[in-house]
Amino acid sequence: MLVLDEATNALDAMTEKEVLSNIITECSNKNVIIITHNVWALSDYGQITIVGPSGLKVVRGYQELFDNDFDLKSPKSLLKGGGWT
């Protein structure tokens, strides 16, 4: 298991994407937990767990963050508490 807590927050977007891509490649047989405020950085992951005001929500990929079930207009709304009922 690999846990990264805001490990890429000081990187520019292109470098962050490259680092996360390498992690996916090198750790494909491991559980990887990435704690981040950069929701867009999660686009390559199959399962995303969101911690919000009413607890945990699990989504089955980046696209599900935009589904009507979560009432999200953009990933930024997650940071403002969007999608929680």
Protein backbone atom coordinates (compact mmCIF):
# COMPACT_ATOMS: atom_id res chain seq x y z
CA MET A 1 0.00 0.00 0.00
CA LEU A 2 1.22 3.48 -0.86
CA VAL A 3 -0.23 6.56 0.88
CA LEU A 4 0.46 10.03 -0.54
CA ASP A 5 -0.82 12.97 1.50
CA GLU A 6 -0.67 16.11 -0.65
CA ALA A 7 2.59 14.73 -2.03
CA THR A 8 2.35 16.67 -5.28
CA ASN A 9 0.90 19.97 -4.03
CA ALA A 10 4.11 21.94 -4.70
CA LEU A 11 4.42 20.70 -8.29
CA ASP A 12 3.22 22.42 -11.44
CA ALA A 13 0.33 20.70 -13.22
CA MET A 14 2.43 19.01 -15.92
CA THR A 15 4.95 17.60 -13.44
CA GLU A 16 2.18 16.46 -11.11
CA LYS A 17 0.46 14.59 -13.95
CA GLU A 18 3.77 12.92 -14.88
CA VAL A 19 4.50 11.88 -11.28
CA LEU A 20 0.99 10.45 -10.82
CA SER A 21 1.23 8.63 -14.14
CA ASN A 22 4.49 7.02 -13.02
CA ILE A 23 2.89 6.00 -9.74
CA ILE A 24 0.04 4.31 -11.61
CA THR A 25 2.54 2.41 -13.76
CA GLU A 26 4.90 1.38 -10.98
CA CYS A 27 2.24 0.57 -8.39
CA SER A 28 -0.33 -1.15 -10.60
CA ASN A 29 -0.45 -4.16 -8.28
CA LYS A 30 -0.76 -2.13 -5.07
CA ASN A 31 -3.43 -0.08 -3.33
CA VAL A 32 -2.63 3.60 -3.68
CA ILE A 33 -4.27 6.23 -1.47
CA ILE A 34 -3.83 9.76 -2.73
CA ILE A 35 -5.00 12.62 -0.55
CA THR A 36 -5.35 15.75 -2.65
CA HIS A 37 -7.36 18.92 -3.15
CA ASN A 38 -6.62 18.78 -6.89
CA VAL A 39 -9.68 16.84 -7.99
CA TRP A 40 -8.57 16.87 -11.64
CA ALA A 41 -5.45 14.90 -10.61
CA LEU A 42 -7.71 11.90 -9.96
CA SER A 43 -8.75 11.43 -13.58
CA ASP A 44 -6.74 8.23 -14.05
CA TYR A 45 -8.07 6.36 -11.03
CA GLY A 46 -10.85 3.75 -11.04
CA GLN A 47 -12.24 4.37 -7.57
CA ILE A 48 -12.35 7.66 -5.74
CA THR A 49 -13.44 8.11 -2.14
CA ILE A 50 -14.54 11.62 -1.23
CA VAL A 51 -14.50 12.85 2.35
CA GLY A 52 -17.19 15.47 2.89
CA PRO A 53 -19.50 16.97 5.49
CA SER A 54 -21.78 13.92 5.64
CA GLY A 55 -19.08 11.25 5.57
CA LEU A 56 -17.53 9.19 2.80
CA LYS A 57 -18.79 8.73 -0.75
CA VAL A 58 -17.24 6.27 -3.17
CA VAL A 59 -17.43 6.89 -6.90
CA ARG A 60 -16.34 4.48 -9.62
CA GLY A 61 -14.12 6.83 -11.57
CA TYR A 62 -13.56 10.44 -12.41
CA GLN A 63 -16.56 10.77 -14.74
CA GLU A 64 -18.97 9.80 -11.97
CA LEU A 65 -17.96 12.99 -10.14
CA PHE A 66 -20.01 14.81 -12.79
CA ASP A 67 -23.08 12.57 -12.69
CA ASN A 68 -26.38 14.05 -11.58
CA ASP A 69 -26.44 11.71 -8.59
CA PHE A 70 -23.81 13.96 -7.02
CA ASP A 71 -25.36 17.19 -8.33
CA LEU A 72 -21.96 18.47 -9.43
CA LYS A 73 -21.44 21.04 -12.12
CA SER A 74 -17.63 20.80 -11.91
CA PRO A 75 -15.02 19.18 -9.65
CA LYS A 76 -14.56 22.57 -7.97
CA SER A 77 -18.01 22.19 -6.43
CA LEU A 78 -16.64 19.28 -4.40
CA LEU A 79 -14.38 21.72 -2.62
CA LYS A 80 -17.39 23.90 -1.84
CA GLY A 81 -19.44 21.01 -0.43
CA GLY A 82 -21.38 20.25 -3.63
CA GLY A 83 -23.00 16.88 -4.11
CA TRP A 84 -23.74 16.20 -0.45
CA THR A 85 -27.27 15.62 0.69
